[in-house]
Amino acid sequence: GVLLRKFERGANTRSHTFYRWFNELPVLVLLAVVILVVVKPF
């Protein structure tokens, strides 16, 4: 969406580190959910 269009225009203001973490966020959320399901703290 928005980030891709900025990248295409060359108006990219974010570092490569931001995009690496942005790419890993869904994996981290999924890992947290799986851990919570297995441990069942509630």
Protein backbone atom coordinates (compact mmCIF):
# COMPACT_ATOMS: atom_id res chain seq x y z
CA GLY A 1 0.00 0.00 0.00
CA VAL A 2 1.33 3.32 1.18
CA LEU A 3 4.88 2.17 1.91
CA LEU A 4 5.17 0.48 -1.50
CA ARG A 5 4.05 3.62 -3.34
CA LYS A 6 6.55 5.76 -1.43
CA PHE A 7 9.26 3.24 -2.24
CA GLU A 8 8.37 3.32 -5.95
CA ARG A 9 8.50 7.13 -6.04
CA GLY A 10 11.86 7.15 -4.31
CA ALA A 11 10.38 9.04 -1.35
CA ASN A 12 11.54 6.35 1.05
CA THR A 13 12.39 7.89 4.42
CA ARG A 14 12.77 4.67 6.43
CA SER A 15 15.96 2.72 7.05
CA HIS A 16 16.51 -0.90 6.06
CA THR A 17 16.36 -1.79 9.77
CA PHE A 18 12.77 -0.52 9.98
CA TYR A 19 11.72 -2.71 7.05
CA ARG A 20 13.46 -5.76 8.54
CA TRP A 21 11.57 -5.37 11.83
CA PHE A 22 8.35 -4.49 10.00
CA ASN A 23 8.70 -7.75 8.07
CA GLU A 24 9.26 -9.78 11.25
CA LEU A 25 6.36 -8.31 13.27
CA PRO A 26 3.73 -10.86 12.12
CA VAL A 27 6.11 -13.70 12.99
CA LEU A 28 6.68 -12.29 16.48
CA VAL A 29 2.93 -11.87 17.05
CA LEU A 30 2.28 -15.43 15.85
CA LEU A 31 5.01 -16.77 18.12
CA ALA A 32 3.52 -14.91 21.10
CA VAL A 33 0.06 -16.33 20.35
CA VAL A 34 1.39 -19.88 20.08
CA ILE A 35 3.28 -19.53 23.36
CA LEU A 36 0.17 -18.20 25.10
CA VAL A 37 -1.94 -21.07 23.74
CA VAL A 38 0.57 -23.70 24.88
CA VAL A 39 1.23 -22.18 28.32
CA LYS A 40 -2.43 -21.18 28.94
CA PRO A 41 -1.80 -18.48 31.56
CA PHE A 42 -5.49 -17.53 31.78
